[in-house]
N, C-alpha and C. Protein backbone atom coordinates (compact mmCIF):
# COMPACT_ATOMS: atom_id res chain seq x y z
N MET A 1 1.34 150.62 -54.69
CA MET A 1 1.79 150.50 -53.97
C MET A 1 1.75 148.53 -53.52
N ILE A 2 0.53 148.27 -53.16
CA ILE A 2 0.47 146.53 -53.43
C ILE A 2 1.25 145.94 -53.89
N PHE A 3 0.70 145.98 -55.62
CA PHE A 3 1.46 145.74 -56.94
C PHE A 3 2.80 146.00 -56.12
N HIS A 4 3.49 146.32 -56.21
CA HIS A 4 5.22 146.99 -56.20
C HIS A 4 5.66 146.49 -55.28
N ALA A 5 4.57 146.02 -53.53
CA ALA A 5 5.42 145.39 -52.59
C ALA A 5 5.08 143.69 -52.98
N LEU A 6 4.18 143.20 -53.71
CA LEU A 6 3.71 142.31 -53.45
C LEU A 6 5.12 141.74 -54.38
N SER A 7 5.85 142.50 -55.98
CA SER A 7 6.62 142.15 -56.70
C SER A 7 8.04 142.22 -56.33
N ARG A 8 8.55 143.70 -54.65
CA ARG A 8 9.01 143.02 -54.36
C ARG A 8 10.19 141.77 -53.69
N ALA A 9 7.99 141.25 -53.25
CA ALA A 9 9.24 140.04 -52.27
C ALA A 9 8.81 139.12 -53.66
N LYS A 10 8.55 139.51 -54.89
CA LYS A 10 8.95 138.50 -55.62
C LYS A 10 7.84 137.68 -55.95
N ILE A 11 6.56 137.79 -55.88
CA ILE A 11 5.53 137.20 -56.70
C ILE A 11 4.68 137.50 -57.25
N LEU A 12 5.56 138.95 -57.72
CA LEU A 12 4.66 139.17 -58.64
C LEU A 12 5.82 139.63 -59.78
N ALA A 13 5.70 139.91 -61.14
CA ALA A 13 6.57 140.29 -61.68
C ALA A 13 5.71 141.39 -62.82
N SER A 14 6.67 142.36 -62.95
CA SER A 14 5.76 143.38 -63.58
C SER A 14 6.84 143.57 -64.87
N GLN A 15 6.09 144.05 -65.45
CA GLN A 15 6.19 144.31 -66.90
C GLN A 15 6.23 145.80 -68.04
N LYS A 16 7.10 146.42 -67.88
CA LYS A 16 6.61 147.15 -68.34
C LYS A 16 6.60 147.84 -70.20
N GLY A 17 5.37 148.60 -70.37
CA GLY A 17 5.71 148.68 -71.71
C GLY A 17 4.23 148.86 -71.92
N LEU A 18 3.76 149.46 -73.65
CA LEU A 18 2.48 148.63 -74.43
C LEU A 18 2.11 147.48 -73.63
N GLY A 19 0.97 146.90 -73.55
CA GLY A 19 0.40 145.62 -72.62
C GLY A 19 1.52 145.29 -71.37
N GLY A 20 2.13 145.93 -71.27
CA GLY A 20 2.51 145.44 -69.55
C GLY A 20 1.82 145.23 -68.46
N GLY A 21 2.52 145.59 -67.63
CA GLY A 21 1.53 145.13 -66.10
C GLY A 21 2.35 144.20 -64.98
N PHE A 22 0.94 144.06 -64.81
CA PHE A 22 1.50 142.82 -63.03
C PHE A 22 1.49 141.25 -63.77
N VAL A 23 2.60 139.99 -63.29
CA VAL A 23 1.73 138.73 -64.17
C VAL A 23 2.60 137.91 -62.24
N PHE A 24 1.89 136.94 -62.57
CA PHE A 24 2.50 135.65 -61.23
C PHE A 24 3.75 135.25 -61.39
N ARG A 25 4.92 135.49 -60.26
CA ARG A 25 5.61 134.64 -60.74
C ARG A 25 5.73 132.93 -60.91
N LYS A 26 4.72 132.95 -59.79
CA LYS A 26 4.87 131.14 -59.79
C LYS A 26 2.76 131.39 -59.97
N PRO A 27 2.50 129.60 -60.02
CA PRO A 27 1.43 129.33 -60.19
C PRO A 27 0.37 130.07 -58.91
N PRO A 28 -0.99 130.49 -59.47
CA PRO A 28 -1.36 131.13 -58.19
C PRO A 28 -1.38 129.51 -57.14
N GLU A 29 -1.62 128.58 -57.34
CA GLU A 29 -1.66 126.84 -57.42
C GLU A 29 -1.17 127.36 -56.02
N GLU A 30 0.75 127.79 -55.86
CA GLU A 30 1.67 127.36 -55.22
C GLU A 30 2.01 128.79 -54.30
N ILE A 31 1.30 129.68 -54.58
CA ILE A 31 0.72 130.73 -53.69
C ILE A 31 0.15 130.80 -52.64
N THR A 32 0.45 130.79 -51.50
CA THR A 32 -0.19 130.85 -50.40
C THR A 32 -0.81 131.89 -49.52
N LEU A 33 -1.40 132.31 -48.73
CA LEU A 33 -2.25 133.28 -48.36
C LEU A 33 -1.04 133.95 -47.54
N TRP A 34 -0.48 132.58 -46.31
CA TRP A 34 1.13 133.23 -46.10
C TRP A 34 2.38 133.80 -46.87
N ASP A 35 1.98 133.72 -47.91
CA ASP A 35 3.43 133.97 -48.65
C ASP A 35 2.83 135.25 -49.03
N ILE A 36 1.96 135.81 -49.12
CA ILE A 36 0.86 137.25 -49.19
C ILE A 36 1.07 138.20 -47.87
N ILE A 37 0.68 137.48 -47.03
CA ILE A 37 0.68 138.47 -45.50
C ILE A 37 1.70 138.44 -45.18
N LYS A 38 2.84 137.76 -45.26
CA LYS A 38 4.19 137.88 -44.46
C LYS A 38 4.63 139.52 -45.27
N VAL A 39 4.13 139.81 -46.74
CA VAL A 39 4.49 140.27 -47.26
C VAL A 39 4.79 141.82 -46.50
N PHE A 40 2.48 142.07 -45.83
CA PHE A 40 2.53 143.21 -45.43
C PHE A 40 2.50 143.14 -44.24
N ASP A 41 2.12 141.99 -42.83
CA ASP A 41 2.00 142.15 -41.38
C ASP A 41 3.91 141.36 -41.26
N ASP A 42 3.61 141.72 -39.93
CA ASP A 42 4.59 140.56 -38.83
C ASP A 42 4.23 139.92 -38.56
N VAL A 43 4.43 138.13 -38.73
CA VAL A 43 3.73 137.36 -38.93
C VAL A 43 4.22 136.59 -37.85
N GLU A 44 5.23 137.28 -36.89
CA GLU A 44 5.72 136.91 -35.72
C GLU A 44 4.64 137.15 -35.06
N VAL A 45 3.28 137.92 -34.79
CA VAL A 45 2.48 138.30 -34.42
C VAL A 45 1.37 137.14 -34.31
N TYR A 46 1.33 135.89 -35.30
CA TYR A 46 0.96 134.57 -35.18
C TYR A 46 1.67 133.52 -34.20
N ASP A 47 2.98 133.77 -33.67
CA ASP A 47 3.43 132.85 -32.40
C ASP A 47 3.23 133.46 -30.85
N GLU A 48 3.51 134.92 -30.84
CA GLU A 48 2.87 135.94 -29.48
C GLU A 48 2.65 135.23 -28.68
N CYS A 49 2.36 136.30 -27.61
CA CYS A 49 0.65 134.88 -26.32
C CYS A 49 -0.06 136.18 -26.73
N ALA A 50 -2.04 135.35 -25.77
CA ALA A 50 -2.56 136.13 -26.70
C ALA A 50 -2.93 137.89 -25.39
N ILE A 51 -2.36 137.33 -24.66
CA ILE A 51 -2.37 138.40 -24.09
C ILE A 51 -0.98 139.57 -23.51
N GLY A 52 0.34 138.80 -24.60
CA GLY A 52 1.01 139.52 -24.96
C GLY A 52 2.10 139.69 -23.10
N TRP A 53 1.85 138.48 -22.96
CA TRP A 53 3.18 138.02 -22.08
C TRP A 53 4.58 138.25 -22.96
N GLU A 54 5.76 138.77 -22.57
CA GLU A 54 6.85 139.02 -23.21
C GLU A 54 7.50 137.31 -23.27
N ARG A 55 6.50 136.78 -21.48
CA ARG A 55 7.50 135.14 -22.07
C ARG A 55 6.06 134.06 -21.71
N CYS A 56 6.20 133.57 -22.78
CA CYS A 56 4.55 132.76 -22.60
C CYS A 56 4.98 131.09 -23.18
N ASP A 57 5.17 130.80 -22.43
CA ASP A 57 4.99 129.03 -23.85
C ASP A 57 4.85 127.85 -23.53
N ASP A 58 5.11 126.38 -23.37
CA ASP A 58 4.13 125.69 -22.97
C ASP A 58 4.69 125.31 -21.91
N ASP A 59 6.18 125.96 -21.18
CA ASP A 59 7.42 125.99 -19.85
C ASP A 59 6.38 126.74 -19.22
N HIS A 60 5.76 128.11 -19.04
CA HIS A 60 5.47 128.86 -18.77
C HIS A 60 4.58 130.16 -19.78
N PRO A 61 3.72 129.26 -19.13
CA PRO A 61 2.38 129.47 -19.99
C PRO A 61 1.70 130.86 -19.15
N CYS A 62 0.91 131.16 -19.88
CA CYS A 62 0.17 132.30 -19.76
C CYS A 62 -1.70 132.14 -19.27
N PRO A 63 -2.71 132.76 -18.65
CA PRO A 63 -3.75 132.21 -18.49
C PRO A 63 -4.12 131.65 -19.77
N LEU A 64 -4.08 131.81 -20.69
CA LEU A 64 -5.13 131.84 -22.08
C LEU A 64 -4.25 130.02 -23.04
N HIS A 65 -3.26 129.94 -22.31
CA HIS A 65 -1.88 129.75 -23.34
C HIS A 65 -2.37 128.36 -23.87
N ASN A 66 -2.48 127.71 -23.28
CA ASN A 66 -3.47 126.33 -23.44
C ASN A 66 -4.67 126.82 -24.60
N THR A 67 -5.56 127.44 -24.35
CA THR A 67 -6.87 127.42 -25.42
C THR A 67 -6.27 128.45 -26.48
N TYR A 68 -5.93 129.48 -26.23
CA TYR A 68 -5.36 130.08 -27.56
C TYR A 68 -4.25 129.31 -28.64
N LYS A 69 -3.21 128.51 -28.17
CA LYS A 69 -2.01 127.65 -29.07
C LYS A 69 -2.36 127.45 -29.93
N PRO A 70 -3.87 125.95 -29.22
CA PRO A 70 -4.21 125.45 -30.30
C PRO A 70 -4.98 126.66 -31.92
N ILE A 71 -5.39 127.35 -31.35
CA ILE A 71 -6.30 128.45 -32.10
C ILE A 71 -5.57 128.89 -33.09
N ARG A 72 -4.68 129.88 -32.50
CA ARG A 72 -3.12 130.24 -33.55
C ARG A 72 -2.50 129.28 -34.67
N GLU A 73 -2.48 127.95 -33.84
CA GLU A 73 -1.99 127.15 -34.99
C GLU A 73 -2.83 126.83 -35.89
N LYS A 74 -4.02 126.59 -35.54
CA LYS A 74 -4.73 126.32 -36.97
C LYS A 74 -4.60 127.52 -37.75
N ILE A 75 -5.20 128.61 -37.02
CA ILE A 75 -5.24 130.20 -38.05
C ILE A 75 -3.55 130.38 -38.96
N LYS A 76 -2.45 130.08 -39.03
CA LYS A 76 -1.51 129.29 -39.25
C LYS A 76 -1.95 128.84 -40.01
N GLU A 77 -1.78 127.51 -39.62
CA GLU A 77 -1.93 126.14 -41.00
C GLU A 77 -2.65 126.73 -41.97
N PHE A 78 -4.27 127.32 -41.71
CA PHE A 78 -4.41 127.31 -42.84
C PHE A 78 -4.17 128.45 -43.88
N LEU A 79 -3.48 129.71 -43.28
CA LEU A 79 -2.77 130.77 -44.14
C LEU A 79 -1.76 129.46 -45.06
N GLN A 80 -0.75 128.88 -44.22
CA GLN A 80 -0.27 128.49 -44.74
C GLN A 80 -0.50 127.27 -45.91
N LYS A 81 -1.31 126.69 -45.94
CA LYS A 81 -2.34 125.67 -46.79
C LYS A 81 -2.89 126.01 -48.04
N THR A 82 -3.63 127.36 -47.50
CA THR A 82 -4.57 128.09 -48.80
C THR A 82 -3.73 128.84 -49.59
N THR A 83 -4.14 128.08 -50.80
CA THR A 83 -3.37 128.40 -51.56
C THR A 83 -4.14 130.04 -52.83
N LEU A 84 -3.75 131.09 -53.36
CA LEU A 84 -5.36 131.78 -54.00
C LEU A 84 -5.58 131.24 -55.39
N THR A 85 -5.27 130.35 -55.36
CA THR A 85 -6.70 129.06 -56.08
C THR A 85 -7.36 128.95 -55.35
N GLN A 86 -7.10 127.79 -54.68
CA GLN A 86 -8.76 127.88 -53.39
C GLN A 86 -9.00 128.96 -53.35
N LEU A 87 -8.48 130.04 -53.16
CA LEU A 87 -9.07 131.54 -52.40
C LEU A 87 -10.43 131.64 -53.68
N VAL A 88 -9.36 131.52 -54.76
CA VAL A 88 -10.43 131.80 -55.92
C VAL A 88 -11.71 131.17 -56.05
N GLU A 89 -11.50 130.03 -56.27
CA GLU A 89 -12.37 128.82 -56.77
C GLU A 89 -13.43 128.90 -54.99
N ALA A 90 -13.11 129.26 -53.57
CA ALA A 90 -14.34 129.72 -53.10
C ALA A 90 -15.29 130.82 -53.25
N ALA A 91 -14.67 131.72 -53.34
CA ALA A 91 -15.30 132.55 -53.76
C ALA A 91 -16.56 132.44 -55.40
N GLU A 92 -16.05 131.76 -56.16
CA GLU A 92 -16.69 131.57 -57.19
C GLU A 92 -17.37 130.72 -56.78
N ARG A 93 -17.41 129.50 -55.77
CA ARG A 93 -18.78 128.66 -55.11
C ARG A 93 -19.48 129.59 -54.48
N LYS A 94 -19.26 130.48 -53.84
CA LYS A 94 -20.00 131.03 -53.43
C LYS A 94 -21.33 131.72 -54.18
N GLU A 95 -20.31 132.76 -54.85
CA GLU A 95 -21.18 133.41 -56.07
C GLU A 95 -22.05 132.69 -56.71
N SER A 96 -22.34 131.21 -57.10
CA SER A 96 -22.38 130.38 -58.33
C SER A 96 -23.72 130.54 -56.96
N TYR A 97 -23.65 130.12 -55.86
CA TYR A 97 -24.39 129.66 -55.09
C TYR A 97 -25.98 130.52 -54.65
N LYS A 98 -24.64 132.03 -54.21
CA LYS A 98 -26.04 133.20 -54.56
C LYS A 98 -26.65 133.43 -55.79
N LYS A 99 -26.10 132.98 -56.83
CA LYS A 99 -27.00 133.12 -58.69
C LYS A 99 -28.48 132.06 -58.10
N GLN A 100 -28.07 131.11 -58.40
CA GLN A 100 -28.62 129.88 -58.07
C GLN A 100 -30.07 130.14 -57.40
N LYS A 101 -29.38 130.81 -55.46
CA LYS A 101 -31.02 131.38 -54.83
C LYS A 101 -32.20 132.18 -55.69
N THR A 102 -31.58 133.14 -56.33
CA THR A 102 -32.18 134.25 -56.87
C THR A 102 -32.48 134.12 -58.54
């Protein structure tokens, strides 16, 4: 199901038959976490009010707007700029560090 959803979103391509499977349609250094999240989640939640107000913006802020807005923007920026390659590299560094400590 996950692979099929990513395939429908044109992140993966499926190859049938012997030796088939799924491959990335573009290099992992060009696929962001945002690309993946958009397949499974409603990304509009990253623009919504922290406490659920229907109308919350710079002109009509909720009590948390000025605190939450920069946090929300940083999260979106992180997801939109972090690639699968960066994610794998970070995991490999962590694993390498753990092995050095033992």
